């Protein structure tokens, strides 16, 4: 019996299923029979899947496999990630393309909807996910791996910068404020990312290179605030490196006219 959720869909002769790590009792164990091999598995081009608060995000998955008899059109692929989250794509939504008589690459697309009531639930989905595979050959050889590869799902981040006053006299104090926030999948709103190290960077108007001025820690609301001394016309920006659950982000720069 097939079921579908709002967290998965797309492709043609392979089935993909992505769920949270340790999530499913029905999950099969690693195994196989014959000389079939899984040669390569790629999720989202090797990059984390980054999801905001409203937009459905798609992630392409490709599985390359080989067997002396060729890969069957009924190949099945599954992925398992953190309870109770999951995504899935079924066998009629996957496309398999032969690279040779023995090797095929099968592709499909996992979809991640932060507004879904099932499949993608809450902030626990920001984690490392497992993509498993079950691939069949024309001679009925098969191979199954619960974690043929892993990939990260992350909470989309935002960062702002505001330097004031503008203009300012040379030698006077410039106050640089900002806000580091990220998607909250429990509320589907952006909320401050607290107690995070963020660097303040500066670029002279006549330069193309930013230099780090200092490191600032975000407050209990995600806000940022520090002061610097005005020296010359230039641009200020905040830059956040990343964490395992949240991608790096750099704010738009703010120009200050120093007189």
C-alpha atoms as a PDB file:
ATOM      1  CA  UNK A   1       0.000   0.000   0.000  1.00  0.00           C
ATOM      2  CA  UNK A   2       1.374   3.420  -0.910  1.00  0.00           C
ATOM      3  CA  UNK A   3       1.152   6.493   1.226  1.00  0.00           C
ATOM      4  CA  UNK A   4       2.308   9.992   0.427  1.00  0.00           C
ATOM      5  CA  UNK A   5       3.087  12.980   2.601  1.00  0.00           C
ATOM      6  CA  UNK A   6       3.609  16.668   2.040  1.00  0.00           C
ATOM      7  CA  UNK A   7       7.339  16.105   2.481  1.00  0.00           C
ATOM      8  CA  UNK A   8       8.085  14.159  -0.615  1.00  0.00           C
ATOM      9  CA  UNK A   9       7.278  13.718  -4.326  1.00  0.00           C
ATOM     10  CA  UNK A  10       8.867  13.556  -7.772  1.00  0.00           C
ATOM     11  CA  UNK A  11      10.870  11.472 -10.235  1.00  0.00           C
ATOM     12  CA  UNK A  12       9.915   7.955 -12.434  1.00  0.00           C
ATOM     13  CA  UNK A  13      11.200   4.444 -11.871  1.00  0.00           C
ATOM     14  CA  UNK A  14      12.825   4.675  -8.474  1.00  0.00           C
ATOM     15  CA  UNK A  15      11.295   5.369  -5.102  1.00  0.00           C
ATOM     16  CA  UNK A  16      12.916   7.716  -2.624  1.00  0.00           C
ATOM     17  CA  UNK A  17      11.974   7.997   1.013  1.00  0.00           C
ATOM     18  CA  UNK A  18      13.609  10.407   3.451  1.00  0.00           C
ATOM     19  CA  UNK A  19      12.843  10.218   7.154  1.00  0.00           C
ATOM     20  CA  UNK A  20      14.535  11.322  10.338  1.00  0.00           C
ATOM     21  CA  UNK A  21      17.366   9.262  11.838  1.00  0.00           C
ATOM     22  CA  UNK A  22      16.108   6.313  13.839  1.00  0.00           C
ATOM     23  CA  UNK A  23      12.575   7.066  12.723  1.00  0.00           C
ATOM     24  CA  UNK A  24      10.916   3.997  11.340  1.00  0.00           C
ATOM     25  CA  UNK A  25      10.135   0.612  12.693  1.00  0.00           C
ATOM     26  CA  UNK A  26       9.502  -0.684   9.180  1.00  0.00           C
ATOM     27  CA  UNK A  27      12.970   0.319   8.039  1.00  0.00           C
ATOM     28  CA  UNK A  28      14.795  -2.615   6.415  1.00  0.00           C
ATOM     29  CA  UNK A  29      18.270  -3.741   7.413  1.00  0.00           C
ATOM     30  CA  UNK A  30      21.308  -3.506   5.139  1.00  0.00           C
ATOM     31  CA  UNK A  31      21.535  -6.460   2.810  1.00  0.00           C
ATOM     32  CA  UNK A  32      21.648  -7.693  -0.744  1.00  0.00           C
ATOM     33  CA  UNK A  33      22.354 -10.504  -3.157  1.00  0.00           C
ATOM     34  CA  UNK A  34      24.606 -10.838  -6.192  1.00  0.00           C
ATOM     35  CA  UNK A  35      27.268  -8.518  -7.590  1.00  0.00           C
ATOM     36  CA  UNK A  36      25.214  -5.323  -7.905  1.00  0.00           C
ATOM     37  CA  UNK A  37      26.927  -2.195  -6.513  1.00  0.00           C
ATOM     38  CA  UNK A  38      25.913   1.323  -5.514  1.00  0.00           C
ATOM     39  CA  UNK A  39      28.565   3.558  -7.019  1.00  0.00           C
ATOM     40  CA  UNK A  40      27.483   7.061  -6.046  1.00  0.00           C
ATOM     41  CA  UNK A  41      24.707   8.796  -4.109  1.00  0.00           C
ATOM     42  CA  UNK A  42      24.256  12.585  -4.119  1.00  0.00           C
ATOM     43  CA  UNK A  43      21.628  14.688  -2.333  1.00  0.00           C
ATOM     44  CA  UNK A  44      21.102  18.343  -3.271  1.00  0.00           C
ATOM     45  CA  UNK A  45      24.435  18.558  -5.052  1.00  0.00           C
ATOM     46  CA  UNK A  46      26.252  17.712  -1.824  1.00  0.00           C
ATOM     47  CA  UNK A  47      24.957  20.832  -0.058  1.00  0.00           C
ATOM     48  CA  UNK A  48      22.685  21.034   3.014  1.00  0.00           C
ATOM     49  CA  UNK A  49      18.960  21.360   2.372  1.00  0.00           C
ATOM     50  CA  UNK A  50      18.066  24.774   3.802  1.00  0.00           C
ATOM     51  CA  UNK A  51      14.398  25.427   4.611  1.00  0.00           C
ATOM     52  CA  UNK A  52      12.680  28.680   5.637  1.00  0.00           C
ATOM     53  CA  UNK A  53       9.231  29.196   7.152  1.00  0.00           C
ATOM     54  CA  UNK A  54       6.851  29.017   4.176  1.00  0.00           C
ATOM     55  CA  UNK A  55       8.509  28.035   0.907  1.00  0.00           C
ATOM     56  CA  UNK A  56       8.564  24.403  -0.192  1.00  0.00           C
ATOM     57  CA  UNK A  57      12.182  23.420  -0.902  1.00  0.00           C
ATOM     58  CA  UNK A  58      13.150  20.745  -3.434  1.00  0.00           C
ATOM     59  CA  UNK A  59      16.288  18.621  -3.236  1.00  0.00           C
ATOM     60  CA  UNK A  60      17.419  16.483  -6.164  1.00  0.00           C
ATOM     61  CA  UNK A  61      18.653  12.996  -5.326  1.00  0.00           C
ATOM     62  CA  UNK A  62      20.686  10.791  -7.665  1.00  0.00           C
ATOM     63  CA  UNK A  63      21.761   7.187  -7.199  1.00  0.00           C
ATOM     64  CA  UNK A  64      24.198   5.532  -9.585  1.00  0.00           C
ATOM     65  CA  UNK A  65      24.341   1.723  -9.531  1.00  0.00           C
ATOM     66  CA  UNK A  66      25.921  -1.051 -11.614  1.00  0.00           C
ATOM     67  CA  UNK A  67      25.294  -4.719 -12.347  1.00  0.00           C
ATOM     68  CA  UNK A  68      26.471  -6.987 -15.162  1.00  0.00           C
ATOM     69  CA  UNK A  69      22.834  -7.476 -16.208  1.00  0.00           C
ATOM     70  CA  UNK A  70      21.937  -3.786 -16.021  1.00  0.00           C
ATOM     71  CA  UNK A  71      19.783  -1.903 -13.523  1.00  0.00           C
ATOM     72  CA  UNK A  72      16.057  -2.686 -13.479  1.00  0.00           C
ATOM     73  CA  UNK A  73      13.396  -0.058 -14.026  1.00  0.00           C
ATOM     74  CA  UNK A  74      11.820  -1.018 -10.699  1.00  0.00           C
ATOM     75  CA  UNK A  75      14.704   0.258  -8.565  1.00  0.00           C
ATOM     76  CA  UNK A  76      13.682   1.617  -5.174  1.00  0.00           C
ATOM     77  CA  UNK A  77      15.503   4.241  -3.090  1.00  0.00           C
ATOM     78  CA  UNK A  78      14.787   5.298   0.498  1.00  0.00           C
ATOM     79  CA  UNK A  79      16.127   7.824   3.006  1.00  0.00           C
ATOM     80  CA  UNK A  80      15.739   7.889   6.769  1.00  0.00           C
ATOM     81  CA  UNK A  81      16.370  10.809   9.064  1.00  0.00           C
ATOM     82  CA  UNK A  82      15.067  12.342  12.785  1.00  0.00           C
ATOM     83  CA  UNK A  83      11.772  11.151  14.279  1.00  0.00           C
ATOM     84  CA  UNK A  84       9.029  11.894  13.278  1.00  0.00           C
ATOM     85  CA  UNK A  85      10.227  13.719  10.165  1.00  0.00           C
ATOM     86  CA  UNK A  86      10.402  12.155   6.734  1.00  0.00           C
ATOM     87  CA  UNK A  87      10.219  12.798   3.001  1.00  0.00           C
ATOM     88  CA  UNK A  88       9.467  10.368   0.216  1.00  0.00           C
ATOM     89  CA  UNK A  89       9.308   9.891  -3.519  1.00  0.00           C
ATOM     90  CA  UNK A  90       7.736   6.821  -5.048  1.00  0.00           C
ATOM     91  CA  UNK A  91       8.854   4.578  -7.928  1.00  0.00           C
ATOM     92  CA  UNK A  92       6.651   6.186 -10.561  1.00  0.00           C
ATOM     93  CA  UNK A  93       8.189   9.588  -9.776  1.00  0.00           C
ATOM     94  CA  UNK A  94      11.820   8.685 -10.515  1.00  0.00           C
ATOM     95  CA  UNK A  95      13.766   8.702 -13.768  1.00  0.00           C
ATOM     96  CA  UNK A  96      16.527   6.169 -14.504  1.00  0.00           C
ATOM     97  CA  UNK A  97      18.977   6.881 -17.314  1.00  0.00           C
ATOM     98  CA  UNK A  98      21.473   4.322 -18.611  1.00  0.00           C
ATOM     99  CA  UNK A  99      25.098   5.418 -18.689  1.00  0.00           C
ATOM    100  CA  UNK A 100      26.081   2.046 -20.170  1.00  0.00           C
ATOM    101  CA  UNK A 101      24.757  -1.509 -20.473  1.00  0.00           C
ATOM    102  CA  UNK A 102      25.671  -2.122 -16.832  1.00  0.00           C
ATOM    103  CA  UNK A 103      25.258   1.272 -15.126  1.00  0.00           C
ATOM    104  CA  UNK A 104      22.309   3.617 -14.599  1.00  0.00           C
ATOM    105  CA  UNK A 105      21.728   6.820 -12.663  1.00  0.00           C
ATOM    106  CA  UNK A 106      18.290   7.216 -11.122  1.00  0.00           C
ATOM    107  CA  UNK A 107      17.068  10.635  -9.977  1.00  0.00           C
ATOM    108  CA  UNK A 108      14.129  12.032  -8.089  1.00  0.00           C
ATOM    109  CA  UNK A 109      13.278  15.057  -5.977  1.00  0.00           C
ATOM    110  CA  UNK A 110      12.528  15.206  -2.267  1.00  0.00           C
ATOM    111  CA  UNK A 111      10.357  18.128  -1.180  1.00  0.00           C
ATOM    112  CA  UNK A 112      10.457  19.786   2.239  1.00  0.00           C
ATOM    113  CA  UNK A 113       7.422  21.790   3.336  1.00  0.00           C
ATOM    114  CA  UNK A 114       7.846  23.590   6.691  1.00  0.00           C
ATOM    115  CA  UNK A 115       4.086  24.101   6.910  1.00  0.00           C
ATOM    116  CA  UNK A 116       3.259  20.392   6.630  1.00  0.00           C
ATOM    117  CA  UNK A 117       1.396  18.839   9.545  1.00  0.00           C
ATOM    118  CA  UNK A 118       3.028  15.484   8.810  1.00  0.00           C
ATOM    119  CA  UNK A 119       6.406  14.534   7.429  1.00  0.00           C
ATOM    120  CA  UNK A 120       8.317  17.696   8.333  1.00  0.00           C
ATOM    121  CA  UNK A 121       7.522  18.496  11.930  1.00  0.00           C
ATOM    122  CA  UNK A 122       9.197  21.096  14.122  1.00  0.00           C
ATOM    123  CA  UNK A 123      12.758  22.171  14.771  1.00  0.00           C
ATOM    124  CA  UNK A 124      13.954  18.610  15.388  1.00  0.00           C
ATOM    125  CA  UNK A 125      14.055  18.227  11.600  1.00  0.00           C
ATOM    126  CA  UNK A 126      17.241  20.326  11.600  1.00  0.00           C
ATOM    127  CA  UNK A 127      19.665  17.415  11.765  1.00  0.00           C
ATOM    128  CA  UNK A 128      21.694  14.929   9.767  1.00  0.00           C
ATOM    129  CA  UNK A 129      19.447  12.747   7.631  1.00  0.00           C
ATOM    130  CA  UNK A 130      20.223   9.329   6.152  1.00  0.00           C
ATOM    131  CA  UNK A 131      19.474   8.536   2.544  1.00  0.00           C
ATOM    132  CA  UNK A 132      19.082   4.790   2.081  1.00  0.00           C
ATOM    133  CA  UNK A 133      18.780   2.852  -1.154  1.00  0.00           C
ATOM    134  CA  UNK A 134      17.280  -0.364  -2.436  1.00  0.00           C
ATOM    135  CA  UNK A 135      18.397  -1.045  -5.986  1.00  0.00           C
ATOM    136  CA  UNK A 136      17.371  -3.998  -8.169  1.00  0.00           C
ATOM    137  CA  UNK A 137      19.106  -5.428 -11.252  1.00  0.00           C
ATOM    138  CA  UNK A 138      17.640  -7.111 -14.322  1.00  0.00           C
ATOM    139  CA  UNK A 139      18.896 -10.512 -13.085  1.00  0.00           C
ATOM    140  CA  UNK A 140      17.150  -9.919  -9.714  1.00  0.00           C
ATOM    141  CA  UNK A 141      20.335  -9.075  -7.842  1.00  0.00           C
ATOM    142  CA  UNK A 142      19.622  -6.344  -5.291  1.00  0.00           C
ATOM    143  CA  UNK A 143      21.382  -4.188  -2.716  1.00  0.00           C
ATOM    144  CA  UNK A 144      19.965  -2.214   0.213  1.00  0.00           C
ATOM    145  CA  UNK A 145      21.699   0.399   2.383  1.00  0.00           C
ATOM    146  CA  UNK A 146      19.973   2.345   5.163  1.00  0.00           C
ATOM    147  CA  UNK A 147      22.626   5.081   4.961  1.00  0.00           C
ATOM    148  CA  UNK A 148      24.223   5.027   1.544  1.00  0.00           C
ATOM    149  CA  UNK A 149      24.952   8.693   2.260  1.00  0.00           C
ATOM    150  CA  UNK A 150      23.938  11.398   4.728  1.00  0.00           C
ATOM    151  CA  UNK A 151      22.813  14.975   4.267  1.00  0.00           C
ATOM    152  CA  UNK A 152      21.936  17.899   6.501  1.00  0.00           C
ATOM    153  CA  UNK A 153      18.645  19.743   6.776  1.00  0.00           C
ATOM    154  CA  UNK A 154      19.113  23.267   8.157  1.00  0.00           C
ATOM    155  CA  UNK A 155      17.021  26.227   9.334  1.00  0.00           C
ATOM    156  CA  UNK A 156      17.283  29.217   6.988  1.00  0.00           C
ATOM    157  CA  UNK A 157      19.125  32.156   8.564  1.00  0.00           C
ATOM    158  CA  UNK A 158      18.843  35.929   8.222  1.00  0.00           C
ATOM    159  CA  UNK A 159      21.219  38.706   9.295  1.00  0.00           C
ATOM    160  CA  UNK A 160      20.916  42.510   9.228  1.00  0.00           C
ATOM    161  CA  UNK A 161      23.304  45.430   9.804  1.00  0.00           C
ATOM    162  CA  UNK A 162      22.644  49.087  10.557  1.00  0.00           C
ATOM    163  CA  UNK A 163      25.477  51.572  11.240  1.00  0.00           C
ATOM    164  CA  UNK A 164      24.614  55.017  12.623  1.00  0.00           C
ATOM    165  CA  UNK A 165      24.713  57.977  12.741  1.00  0.00           C
ATOM    166  CA  UNK A 166      25.010  58.755   9.041  1.00  0.00           C
ATOM    167  CA  UNK A 167      26.883  60.957   8.288  1.00  0.00           C
ATOM    168  CA  UNK A 168      29.340  61.029  11.185  1.00  0.00           C
ATOM    169  CA  UNK A 169      32.405  63.124  11.997  1.00  0.00           C
ATOM    170  CA  UNK A 170      35.815  61.469  11.937  1.00  0.00           C
ATOM    171  CA  UNK A 171      36.831  60.261  15.404  1.00  0.00           C
ATOM    172  CA  UNK A 172      33.250  60.039  16.647  1.00  0.00           C
ATOM    173  CA  UNK A 173      31.487  56.831  17.684  1.00  0.00           C
ATOM    174  CA  UNK A 174      29.556  54.663  15.234  1.00  0.00           C
ATOM    175  CA  UNK A 175      27.006  52.235  16.689  1.00  0.00           C
ATOM    176  CA  UNK A 176      26.483  49.086  14.629  1.00  0.00           C
ATOM    177  CA  UNK A 177      23.341  47.097  15.364  1.00  0.00           C
ATOM    178  CA  UNK A 178      21.852  44.019  13.736  1.00  0.00           C
ATOM    179  CA  UNK A 179      19.734  40.921  14.160  1.00  0.00           C
ATOM    180  CA  UNK A 180      20.608  37.273  13.636  1.00  0.00           C
ATOM    181  CA  UNK A 181      17.493  35.163  13.185  1.00  0.00           C
ATOM    182  CA  UNK A 182      16.541  31.787  11.779  1.00  0.00           C
ATOM    183  CA  UNK A 183      13.461  29.828  10.795  1.00  0.00           C
ATOM    184  CA  UNK A 184      11.467  28.382  13.655  1.00  0.00           C
ATOM    185  CA  UNK A 185       9.501  25.397  12.327  1.00  0.00           C
ATOM    186  CA  UNK A 186       7.410  25.163  15.504  1.00  0.00           C
ATOM    187  CA  UNK A 187       5.856  28.575  14.815  1.00  0.00           C
ATOM    188  CA  UNK A 188       6.667  29.104  11.112  1.00  0.00           C
ATOM    189  CA  UNK A 189       8.186  32.474  11.986  1.00  0.00           C
ATOM    190  CA  UNK A 190      11.722  33.836  12.177  1.00  0.00           C
ATOM    191  CA  UNK A 191      13.116  34.123  15.694  1.00  0.00           C
ATOM    192  CA  UNK A 192      16.390  35.465  17.079  1.00  0.00           C
ATOM    193  CA  UNK A 193      19.331  33.056  17.165  1.00  0.00           C
ATOM    194  CA  UNK A 194      20.761  33.596  20.622  1.00  0.00           C
ATOM    195  CA  UNK A 195      24.304  33.468  22.050  1.00  0.00           C
ATOM    196  CA  UNK A 196      26.002  33.113  18.675  1.00  0.00           C
ATOM    197  CA  UNK A 197      29.370  34.552  17.653  1.00  0.00           C
ATOM    198  CA  UNK A 198      29.059  37.012  14.755  1.00  0.00           C
ATOM    199  CA  UNK A 199      31.916  39.002  13.221  1.00  0.00           C
ATOM    200  CA  UNK A 200      31.677  42.685  12.358  1.00  0.00           C
ATOM    201  CA  UNK A 201      33.517  43.495   9.138  1.00  0.00           C
ATOM    202  CA  UNK A 202      34.535  46.783   7.532  1.00  0.00           C
ATOM    203  CA  UNK A 203      35.568  47.834   4.010  1.00  0.00           C
ATOM    204  CA  UNK A 204      36.907  51.245   3.080  1.00  0.00           C
ATOM    205  CA  UNK A 205      35.074  52.949   0.218  1.00  0.00           C
ATOM    206  CA  UNK A 206      38.282  52.782  -1.840  1.00  0.00           C
ATOM    207  CA  UNK A 207      38.878  49.065  -1.125  1.00  0.00           C
ATOM    208  CA  UNK A 208      37.309  45.833  -2.351  1.00  0.00           C
ATOM    209  CA  UNK A 209      38.305  43.794   0.707  1.00  0.00           C
ATOM    210  CA  UNK A 210      36.514  43.402   4.031  1.00  0.00           C
ATOM    211  CA  UNK A 211      38.501  43.039   7.254  1.00  0.00           C
ATOM    212  CA  UNK A 212      37.221  41.743  10.587  1.00  0.00           C
ATOM    213  CA  UNK A 213      36.857  44.479  13.213  1.00  0.00           C
ATOM    214  CA  UNK A 214      35.615  42.455  16.183  1.00  0.00           C
ATOM    215  CA  UNK A 215      33.419  39.541  17.260  1.00  0.00           C
ATOM    216  CA  UNK A 216      29.988  40.198  18.770  1.00  0.00           C
ATOM    217  CA  UNK A 217      27.721  37.718  20.600  1.00  0.00           C
ATOM    218  CA  UNK A 218      24.008  37.804  19.828  1.00  0.00           C
ATOM    219  CA  UNK A 219      21.715  38.589  22.747  1.00  0.00           C
ATOM    220  CA  UNK A 220      18.819  36.596  24.185  1.00  0.00           C
ATOM    221  CA  UNK A 221      16.698  37.966  21.334  1.00  0.00           C
ATOM    222  CA  UNK A 222      19.329  37.512  18.621  1.00  0.00           C
ATOM    223  CA  UNK A 223      20.159  41.224  18.487  1.00  0.00           C
ATOM    224  CA  UNK A 224      23.686  42.548  17.891  1.00  0.00           C
ATOM    225  CA  UNK A 225      25.208  45.814  19.066  1.00  0.00           C
ATOM    226  CA  UNK A 226      28.710  47.237  19.244  1.00  0.00           C
ATOM    227  CA  UNK A 227      30.584  50.507  18.690  1.00  0.00           C
ATOM    228  CA  UNK A 228      33.563  51.547  16.572  1.00  0.00           C
ATOM    229  CA  UNK A 229      35.392  54.803  15.934  1.00  0.00           C
ATOM    230  CA  UNK A 230      34.713  56.566  12.636  1.00  0.00           C
ATOM    231  CA  UNK A 231      37.858  56.759  10.511  1.00  0.00           C
ATOM    232  CA  UNK A 232      36.918  56.923   6.810  1.00  0.00           C
ATOM    233  CA  UNK A 233      34.003  56.439   4.424  1.00  0.00           C
ATOM    234  CA  UNK A 234      33.186  52.762   4.261  1.00  0.00           C
ATOM    235  CA  UNK A 235      30.865  49.800   4.597  1.00  0.00           C
ATOM    236  CA  UNK A 236      29.995  47.729   7.664  1.00  0.00           C
ATOM    237  CA  UNK A 237      28.464  44.259   7.671  1.00  0.00           C
ATOM    238  CA  UNK A 238      27.906  41.359  10.060  1.00  0.00           C
ATOM    239  CA  UNK A 239      28.900  37.810   9.111  1.00  0.00           C
ATOM    240  CA  UNK A 240      27.778  34.554  10.746  1.00  0.00           C
ATOM    241  CA  UNK A 241      29.885  31.436  10.150  1.00  0.00           C
ATOM    242  CA  UNK A 242      27.238  28.647  10.647  1.00  0.00           C
ATOM    243  CA  UNK A 243      26.329  25.846  13.028  1.00  0.00           C
ATOM    244  CA  UNK A 244      25.326  22.261  12.314  1.00  0.00           C
ATOM    245  CA  UNK A 245      21.633  23.259  12.166  1.00  0.00           C
ATOM    246  CA  UNK A 246      21.948  26.733  10.637  1.00  0.00           C
ATOM    247  CA  UNK A 247      23.785  27.875   7.487  1.00  0.00           C
ATOM    248  CA  UNK A 248      26.275  30.726   7.224  1.00  0.00           C
ATOM    249  CA  UNK A 249      24.871  34.136   6.334  1.00  0.00           C
ATOM    250  CA  UNK A 250      26.299  37.570   5.577  1.00  0.00           C
ATOM    251  CA  UNK A 251      24.224  40.716   5.902  1.00  0.00           C
ATOM    252  CA  UNK A 252      23.844  43.423   3.323  1.00  0.00           C
ATOM    253  CA  UNK A 253      26.503  46.083   3.947  1.00  0.00           C
ATOM    254  CA  UNK A 254      25.630  49.537   5.327  1.00  0.00           C
ATOM    255  CA  UNK A 255      27.610  52.571   4.105  1.00  0.00           C
ATOM    256  CA  UNK A 256      28.715  55.312   6.497  1.00  0.00           C
ATOM    257  CA  UNK A 257      29.768  58.749   5.259  1.00  0.00           C
ATOM    258  CA  UNK A 258      32.594  60.005   7.492  1.00  0.00           C
ATOM    259  CA  UNK A 259      33.147  63.780   7.321  1.00  0.00           C
END
